[in-house]
């Protein structure tokens, strides 16, 4: 996977997240929509983390392909 692919996925996930939120301005989300919004948040965190890993590896002279998607239990502990 290339950096541009990760950035494209971030854009796709963000657009979906925004669609869900815009569709329910002033109205609560259904349980399924809440679950999907929460899934999107985790997927976005994983994508941003993977992109950061790849960039850090590249700066360190390492192969960016050595970066890997980390589990939600890891990326959800990061401070925003």
PDB file of N, CA and C in Angstrom:
ATOM      1  N   UNK A   1       0.847  -1.174   0.000  1.00  0.00           N
ATOM      2  CA  UNK A   1       0.000   0.000   0.000  1.00  0.00           C
ATOM      3  C   UNK A   1       0.894   1.241   0.000  1.00  0.00           C
ATOM      4  N   UNK A   2       0.570   2.179  -0.824  1.00  0.00           N
ATOM      5  CA  UNK A   2       1.318   3.429  -0.930  1.00  0.00           C
ATOM      6  C   UNK A   2       0.697   4.491  -0.018  1.00  0.00           C
ATOM      7  N   UNK A   3       1.479   5.520   0.301  1.00  0.00           N
ATOM      8  CA  UNK A   3       0.969   6.615   1.123  1.00  0.00           C
ATOM      9  C   UNK A   3      -0.280   7.221   0.504  1.00  0.00           C
ATOM     10  N   UNK A   4      -0.277   7.397  -0.802  1.00  0.00           N
ATOM     11  CA  UNK A   4      -1.443   8.014  -1.460  1.00  0.00           C
ATOM     12  C   UNK A   4      -2.690   7.154  -1.296  1.00  0.00           C
ATOM     13  N   UNK A   5      -2.528   5.834  -1.219  1.00  0.00           N
ATOM     14  CA  UNK A   5      -3.663   4.951  -0.992  1.00  0.00           C
ATOM     15  C   UNK A   5      -4.225   5.141   0.419  1.00  0.00           C
ATOM     16  N   UNK A   6      -3.327   5.312   1.367  1.00  0.00           N
ATOM     17  CA  UNK A   6      -3.752   5.532   2.756  1.00  0.00           C
ATOM     18  C   UNK A   6      -4.473   6.869   2.861  1.00  0.00           C
ATOM     19  N   UNK A   7      -3.931   7.899   2.233  1.00  0.00           N
ATOM     20  CA  UNK A   7      -4.563   9.226   2.251  1.00  0.00           C
ATOM     21  C   UNK A   7      -5.941   9.157   1.592  1.00  0.00           C
ATOM     22  N   UNK A   8      -6.063   8.409   0.493  1.00  0.00           N
ATOM     23  CA  UNK A   8      -7.361   8.251  -0.169  1.00  0.00           C
ATOM     24  C   UNK A   8      -8.359   7.547   0.743  1.00  0.00           C
ATOM     25  N   UNK A   9      -7.892   6.537   1.462  1.00  0.00           N
ATOM     26  CA  UNK A   9      -8.768   5.823   2.397  1.00  0.00           C
ATOM     27  C   UNK A   9      -9.193   6.745   3.534  1.00  0.00           C
ATOM     28  N   UNK A  10      -8.293   7.573   4.023  1.00  0.00           N
ATOM     29  CA  UNK A  10      -8.638   8.552   5.060  1.00  0.00           C
ATOM     30  C   UNK A  10      -9.744   9.474   4.537  1.00  0.00           C
ATOM     31  N   UNK A  11      -9.603   9.917   3.302  1.00  0.00           N
ATOM     32  CA  UNK A  11     -10.624  10.779   2.703  1.00  0.00           C
ATOM     33  C   UNK A  11     -11.967  10.090   2.588  1.00  0.00           C
ATOM     34  N   UNK A  12     -11.957   8.834   2.169  1.00  0.00           N
ATOM     35  CA  UNK A  12     -13.201   8.073   2.022  1.00  0.00           C
ATOM     36  C   UNK A  12     -13.883   7.870   3.379  1.00  0.00           C
ATOM     37  N   UNK A  13     -13.105   7.474   4.381  1.00  0.00           N
ATOM     38  CA  UNK A  13     -13.662   7.239   5.716  1.00  0.00           C
ATOM     39  C   UNK A  13     -14.187   8.535   6.328  1.00  0.00           C
ATOM     40  N   UNK A  14     -13.450   9.615   6.146  1.00  0.00           N
ATOM     41  CA  UNK A  14     -13.873  10.917   6.673  1.00  0.00           C
ATOM     42  C   UNK A  14     -15.166  11.369   6.015  1.00  0.00           C
ATOM     43  N   UNK A  15     -15.275  11.178   4.715  1.00  0.00           N
ATOM     44  CA  UNK A  15     -16.496  11.557   4.002  1.00  0.00           C
ATOM     45  C   UNK A  15     -17.695  10.770   4.531  1.00  0.00           C
ATOM     46  N   UNK A  16     -17.507   9.480   4.769  1.00  0.00           N
ATOM     47  CA  UNK A  16     -18.600   8.670   5.314  1.00  0.00           C
ATOM     48  C   UNK A  16     -18.989   9.148   6.713  1.00  0.00           C
ATOM     49  N   UNK A  17     -17.992   9.436   7.529  1.00  0.00           N
ATOM     50  CA  UNK A  17     -18.245   9.937   8.884  1.00  0.00           C
ATOM     51  C   UNK A  17     -19.038  11.239   8.826  1.00  0.00           C
ATOM     52  N   UNK A  18     -18.649  12.129   7.943  1.00  0.00           N
ATOM     53  CA  UNK A  18     -19.350  13.412   7.809  1.00  0.00           C
ATOM     54  C   UNK A  18     -20.778  13.221   7.295  1.00  0.00           C
ATOM     55  N   UNK A  19     -20.975  12.289   6.366  1.00  0.00           N
ATOM     56  CA  UNK A  19     -22.331  12.020   5.866  1.00  0.00           C
ATOM     57  C   UNK A  19     -23.238  11.567   6.997  1.00  0.00           C
ATOM     58  N   UNK A  20     -22.740  10.678   7.830  1.00  0.00           N
ATOM     59  CA  UNK A  20     -23.534  10.181   8.958  1.00  0.00           C
ATOM     60  C   UNK A  20     -23.894  11.339   9.885  1.00  0.00           C
ATOM     61  N   UNK A  21     -22.906  12.164  10.211  1.00  0.00           N
ATOM     62  CA  UNK A  21     -23.147  13.262  11.140  1.00  0.00           C
ATOM     63  C   UNK A  21     -24.089  14.315  10.551  1.00  0.00           C
ATOM     64  N   UNK A  22     -23.897  14.664   9.273  1.00  0.00           N
ATOM     65  CA  UNK A  22     -24.762  15.677   8.640  1.00  0.00           C
ATOM     66  C   UNK A  22     -26.199  15.207   8.517  1.00  0.00           C
ATOM     67  N   UNK A  23     -26.386  13.928   8.297  1.00  0.00           N
ATOM     68  CA  UNK A  23     -27.733  13.388   8.123  1.00  0.00           C
ATOM     69  C   UNK A  23     -28.545  13.434   9.417  1.00  0.00           C
ATOM     70  N   UNK A  24     -27.862  13.657  10.526  1.00  0.00           N
ATOM     71  CA  UNK A  24     -28.562  13.590  11.816  1.00  0.00           C
ATOM     72  C   UNK A  24     -28.330  14.818  12.683  1.00  0.00           C
ATOM     73  N   UNK A  25     -28.120  15.950  12.068  1.00  0.00           N
ATOM     74  CA  UNK A  25     -27.947  17.188  12.833  1.00  0.00           C
ATOM     75  C   UNK A  25     -29.235  17.439  13.617  1.00  0.00           C
ATOM     76  N   UNK A  26     -29.125  17.571  14.906  1.00  0.00           N
ATOM     77  CA  UNK A  26     -30.275  17.828  15.760  1.00  0.00           C
ATOM     78  C   UNK A  26     -31.073  16.591  16.109  1.00  0.00           C
ATOM     79  N   UNK A  27     -30.690  15.457  15.559  1.00  0.00           N
ATOM     80  CA  UNK A  27     -31.387  14.200  15.816  1.00  0.00           C
ATOM     81  C   UNK A  27     -30.337  13.160  16.186  1.00  0.00           C
ATOM     82  N   UNK A  28     -30.644  12.346  17.147  1.00  0.00           N
ATOM     83  CA  UNK A  28     -29.680  11.326  17.564  1.00  0.00           C
ATOM     84  C   UNK A  28     -29.473  10.247  16.512  1.00  0.00           C
ATOM     85  N   UNK A  29     -28.330   9.620  16.578  1.00  0.00           N
ATOM     86  CA  UNK A  29     -28.010   8.522  15.678  1.00  0.00           C
ATOM     87  C   UNK A  29     -28.664   7.233  16.166  1.00  0.00           C
ATOM     88  N   UNK A  30     -28.987   6.369  15.229  1.00  0.00           N
ATOM     89  CA  UNK A  30     -29.490   5.046  15.602  1.00  0.00           C
ATOM     90  C   UNK A  30     -28.326   4.243  16.177  1.00  0.00           C
ATOM     91  N   UNK A  31     -28.623   3.159  16.863  1.00  0.00           N
ATOM     92  CA  UNK A  31     -27.531   2.322  17.383  1.00  0.00           C
ATOM     93  C   UNK A  31     -26.582   1.847  16.282  1.00  0.00           C
ATOM     94  N   UNK A  32     -27.114   1.477  15.119  1.00  0.00           N
ATOM     95  CA  UNK A  32     -26.256   1.046  14.009  1.00  0.00           C
ATOM     96  C   UNK A  32     -25.378   2.189  13.514  1.00  0.00           C
ATOM     97  N   UNK A  33     -25.929   3.375  13.425  1.00  0.00           N
ATOM     98  CA  UNK A  33     -25.152   4.532  12.975  1.00  0.00           C
ATOM     99  C   UNK A  33     -24.087   4.914  13.996  1.00  0.00           C
ATOM    100  N   UNK A  34     -24.425   4.822  15.267  1.00  0.00           N
ATOM    101  CA  UNK A  34     -23.452   5.102  16.319  1.00  0.00           C
ATOM    102  C   UNK A  34     -22.311   4.099  16.264  1.00  0.00           C
ATOM    103  N   UNK A  35     -22.659   2.836  16.086  1.00  0.00           N
ATOM    104  CA  UNK A  35     -21.638   1.790  15.983  1.00  0.00           C
ATOM    105  C   UNK A  35     -20.739   2.038  14.765  1.00  0.00           C
ATOM    106  N   UNK A  36     -21.341   2.400  13.625  1.00  0.00           N
ATOM    107  CA  UNK A  36     -20.547   2.650  12.426  1.00  0.00           C
ATOM    108  C   UNK A  36     -19.657   3.875  12.604  1.00  0.00           C
ATOM    109  N   UNK A  37     -20.189   4.937  13.230  1.00  0.00           N
ATOM    110  CA  UNK A  37     -19.373   6.128  13.476  1.00  0.00           C
ATOM    111  C   UNK A  37     -18.178   5.782  14.353  1.00  0.00           C
ATOM    112  N   UNK A  38     -18.401   4.957  15.359  1.00  0.00           N
ATOM    113  CA  UNK A  38     -17.310   4.532  16.240  1.00  0.00           C
ATOM    114  C   UNK A  38     -16.289   3.667  15.487  1.00  0.00           C
ATOM    115  N   UNK A  39     -16.768   2.793  14.603  1.00  0.00           N
ATOM    116  CA  UNK A  39     -15.869   1.984  13.772  1.00  0.00           C
ATOM    117  C   UNK A  39     -15.025   2.879  12.875  1.00  0.00           C
ATOM    118  N   UNK A  40     -15.662   3.884  12.296  1.00  0.00           N
ATOM    119  CA  UNK A  40     -14.945   4.807  11.419  1.00  0.00           C
ATOM    120  C   UNK A  40     -13.843   5.538  12.180  1.00  0.00           C
ATOM    121  N   UNK A  41     -14.129   5.934  13.412  1.00  0.00           N
ATOM    122  CA  UNK A  41     -13.128   6.633  14.220  1.00  0.00           C
ATOM    123  C   UNK A  41     -11.896   5.749  14.437  1.00  0.00           C
ATOM    124  N   UNK A  42     -12.117   4.467  14.710  1.00  0.00           N
ATOM    125  CA  UNK A  42     -11.005   3.540  14.919  1.00  0.00           C
ATOM    126  C   UNK A  42     -10.239   3.335  13.611  1.00  0.00           C
ATOM    127  N   UNK A  43     -10.962   3.128  12.517  1.00  0.00           N
ATOM    128  CA  UNK A  43     -10.303   2.939  11.220  1.00  0.00           C
ATOM    129  C   UNK A  43      -9.469   4.156  10.842  1.00  0.00           C
ATOM    130  N   UNK A  44     -10.006   5.341  11.109  1.00  0.00           N
ATOM    131  CA  UNK A  44      -9.251   6.564  10.821  1.00  0.00           C
ATOM    132  C   UNK A  44      -7.986   6.639  11.677  1.00  0.00           C
ATOM    133  N   UNK A  45      -8.104   6.315  12.947  1.00  0.00           N
ATOM    134  CA  UNK A  45      -6.916   6.308  13.815  1.00  0.00           C
ATOM    135  C   UNK A  45      -5.869   5.327  13.292  1.00  0.00           C
ATOM    136  N   UNK A  46      -6.318   4.166  12.838  1.00  0.00           N
ATOM    137  CA  UNK A  46      -5.380   3.179  12.308  1.00  0.00           C
ATOM    138  C   UNK A  46      -4.706   3.682  11.035  1.00  0.00           C
ATOM    139  N   UNK A  47      -5.471   4.327  10.162  1.00  0.00           N
ATOM    140  CA  UNK A  47      -4.888   4.859   8.927  1.00  0.00           C
ATOM    141  C   UNK A  47      -3.868   5.951   9.219  1.00  0.00           C
ATOM    142  N   UNK A  48      -4.221   6.884  10.100  1.00  0.00           N
ATOM    143  CA  UNK A  48      -3.279   7.958  10.440  1.00  0.00           C
ATOM    144  C   UNK A  48      -2.020   7.394  11.076  1.00  0.00           C
ATOM    145  N   UNK A  49      -2.178   6.398  11.933  1.00  0.00           N
ATOM    146  CA  UNK A  49      -1.023   5.773  12.567  1.00  0.00           C
ATOM    147  C   UNK A  49      -0.143   5.086  11.535  1.00  0.00           C
ATOM    148  N   UNK A  50      -0.743   4.363  10.598  1.00  0.00           N
ATOM    149  CA  UNK A  50       0.024   3.684   9.563  1.00  0.00           C
ATOM    150  C   UNK A  50       0.779   4.696   8.704  1.00  0.00           C
ATOM    151  N   UNK A  51       0.127   5.780   8.354  1.00  0.00           N
ATOM    152  CA  UNK A  51       0.784   6.817   7.561  1.00  0.00           C
ATOM    153  C   UNK A  51       1.967   7.416   8.337  1.00  0.00           C
ATOM    154  N   UNK A  52       1.764   7.678   9.622  1.00  0.00           N
ATOM    155  CA  UNK A  52       2.849   8.222  10.452  1.00  0.00           C
ATOM    156  C   UNK A  52       4.013   7.232  10.556  1.00  0.00           C
ATOM    157  N   UNK A  53       3.709   5.960  10.715  1.00  0.00           N
ATOM    158  CA  UNK A  53       4.762   4.933  10.773  1.00  0.00           C
ATOM    159  C   UNK A  53       5.575   4.913   9.484  1.00  0.00           C
ATOM    160  N   UNK A  54       4.867   4.947   8.360  1.00  0.00           N
ATOM    161  CA  UNK A  54       5.548   4.900   7.064  1.00  0.00           C
ATOM    162  C   UNK A  54       6.466   6.105   6.888  1.00  0.00           C
ATOM    163  N   UNK A  55       5.968   7.273   7.258  1.00  0.00           N
ATOM    164  CA  UNK A  55       6.777   8.492   7.126  1.00  0.00           C
ATOM    165  C   UNK A  55       7.993   8.446   8.060  1.00  0.00           C
ATOM    166  N   UNK A  56       7.795   7.964   9.264  1.00  0.00           N
ATOM    167  CA  UNK A  56       8.904   7.872  10.221  1.00  0.00           C
ATOM    168  C   UNK A  56       9.956   6.874   9.728  1.00  0.00           C
ATOM    169  N   UNK A  57       9.513   5.759   9.210  1.00  0.00           N
ATOM    170  CA  UNK A  57      10.459   4.771   8.685  1.00  0.00           C
ATOM    171  C   UNK A  57      11.241   5.352   7.510  1.00  0.00           C
ATOM    172  N   UNK A  58      10.565   6.083   6.651  1.00  0.00           N
ATOM    173  CA  UNK A  58      11.231   6.683   5.497  1.00  0.00           C
ATOM    174  C   UNK A  58      12.286   7.690   5.965  1.00  0.00           C
ATOM    175  N   UNK A  59      11.916   8.531   6.944  1.00  0.00           N
ATOM    176  CA  UNK A  59      12.874   9.516   7.478  1.00  0.00           C
ATOM    177  C   UNK A  59      14.080   8.844   8.124  1.00  0.00           C
ATOM    178  N   UNK A  60      13.870   7.672   8.694  1.00  0.00           N
ATOM    179  CA  UNK A  60      14.950   6.941   9.366  1.00  0.00           C
ATOM    180  C   UNK A  60      15.756   6.086   8.386  1.00  0.00           C
ATOM    181  N   UNK A  61      15.444   6.194   7.098  1.00  0.00           N
ATOM    182  CA  UNK A  61      16.167   5.417   6.101  1.00  0.00           C
ATOM    183  C   UNK A  61      15.748   3.962   6.028  1.00  0.00           C
ATOM    184  N   UNK A  62      14.578   3.657   6.588  1.00  0.00           N
ATOM    185  CA  UNK A  62      14.060   2.289   6.577  1.00  0.00           C
ATOM    186  C   UNK A  62      12.971   2.151   5.513  1.00  0.00           C
ATOM    187  N   UNK A  63      12.666   0.920   5.190  1.00  0.00           N
ATOM    188  CA  UNK A  63      11.636   0.629   4.209  1.00  0.00           C
ATOM    189  C   UNK A  63      10.258   0.917   4.809  1.00  0.00           C
ATOM    190  N   UNK A  64       9.487   1.823   4.203  1.00  0.00           N
ATOM    191  CA  UNK A  64       8.158   2.122   4.729  1.00  0.00           C
ATOM    192  C   UNK A  64       7.210   0.925   4.673  1.00  0.00           C
ATOM    193  N   UNK A  65       7.537  -0.048   3.824  1.00  0.00           N
ATOM    194  CA  UNK A  65       6.689  -1.239   3.737  1.00  0.00           C
ATOM    195  C   UNK A  65       6.745  -2.077   5.008  1.00  0.00           C
ATOM    196  N   UNK A  66       7.684  -1.784   5.889  1.00  0.00           N
ATOM    197  CA  UNK A  66       7.771  -2.483   7.164  1.00  0.00           C
ATOM    198  C   UNK A  66       6.732  -2.015   8.171  1.00  0.00           C
ATOM    199  N   UNK A  67       6.036  -0.940   7.859  1.00  0.00           N
ATOM    200  CA  UNK A  67       4.978  -0.441   8.747  1.00  0.00           C
ATOM    201  C   UNK A  67       3.782  -1.389   8.682  1.00  0.00           C
ATOM    202  N   UNK A  68       3.068  -1.475   9.779  1.00  0.00           N
ATOM    203  CA  UNK A  68       1.913  -2.374   9.841  1.00  0.00           C
ATOM    204  C   UNK A  68       0.758  -1.701  10.573  1.00  0.00           C
ATOM    205  N   UNK A  69      -0.441  -2.094  10.200  1.00  0.00           N
ATOM    206  CA  UNK A  69      -1.639  -1.590  10.885  1.00  0.00           C
ATOM    207  C   UNK A  69      -1.624  -2.133  12.304  1.00  0.00           C
ATOM    208  N   UNK A  70      -1.764  -1.226  13.256  1.00  0.00           N
ATOM    209  CA  UNK A  70      -1.781  -1.645  14.665  1.00  0.00           C
ATOM    210  C   UNK A  70      -3.221  -1.886  15.098  1.00  0.00           C
ATOM    211  N   UNK A  71      -3.407  -2.736  16.080  1.00  0.00           N
ATOM    212  CA  UNK A  71      -4.767  -3.048  16.537  1.00  0.00           C
ATOM    213  C   UNK A  71      -5.420  -1.848  17.218  1.00  0.00           C
ATOM    214  N   UNK A  72      -6.746  -1.844  17.240  1.00  0.00           N
ATOM    215  CA  UNK A  72      -7.466  -0.751  17.904  1.00  0.00           C
ATOM    216  C   UNK A  72      -7.021  -0.523  19.343  1.00  0.00           C
ATOM    217  N   UNK A  73      -6.683  -1.592  20.047  1.00  0.00           N
ATOM    218  CA  UNK A  73      -6.272  -1.444  21.449  1.00  0.00           C
ATOM    219  C   UNK A  73      -5.025  -0.584  21.583  1.00  0.00           C
ATOM    220  N   UNK A  74      -4.217  -0.490  20.530  1.00  0.00           N
ATOM    221  CA  UNK A  74      -3.009   0.321  20.563  1.00  0.00           C
ATOM    222  C   UNK A  74      -3.337   1.747  20.132  1.00  0.00           C
ATOM    223  N   UNK A  75      -3.954   1.911  18.969  1.00  0.00           N
ATOM    224  CA  UNK A  75      -4.168   3.262  18.438  1.00  0.00           C
ATOM    225  C   UNK A  75      -5.182   4.051  19.234  1.00  0.00           C
ATOM    226  N   UNK A  76      -6.075   3.405  19.930  1.00  0.00           N
ATOM    227  CA  UNK A  76      -7.083   4.121  20.714  1.00  0.00           C
ATOM    228  C   UNK A  76      -6.519   4.683  22.012  1.00  0.00           C
ATOM    229  N   UNK A  77      -5.317   4.314  22.362  1.00  0.00           N
ATOM    230  CA  UNK A  77      -4.696   4.832  23.589  1.00  0.00           C
ATOM    231  C   UNK A  77      -3.896   6.102  23.327  1.00  0.00           C
ATOM    232  N   UNK A  78      -3.716   6.469  22.065  1.00  0.00           N
ATOM    233  CA  UNK A  78      -2.930   7.667  21.731  1.00  0.00           C
ATOM    234  C   UNK A  78      -3.660   8.904  22.206  1.00  0.00           C
ATOM    235  N   UNK A  79      -2.899   9.867  22.651  1.00  0.00           N
ATOM    236  CA  UNK A  79      -3.468  11.160  23.038  1.00  0.00           C
ATOM    237  C   UNK A  79      -3.703  11.984  21.790  1.00  0.00           C
ATOM    238  N   UNK A  80      -4.821  12.650  21.727  1.00  0.00           N
ATOM    239  CA  UNK A  80      -5.158  13.477  20.560  1.00  0.00           C
ATOM    240  C   UNK A  80      -4.645  14.871  20.750  1.00  0.00           C
TER     241      UNK A  80
END
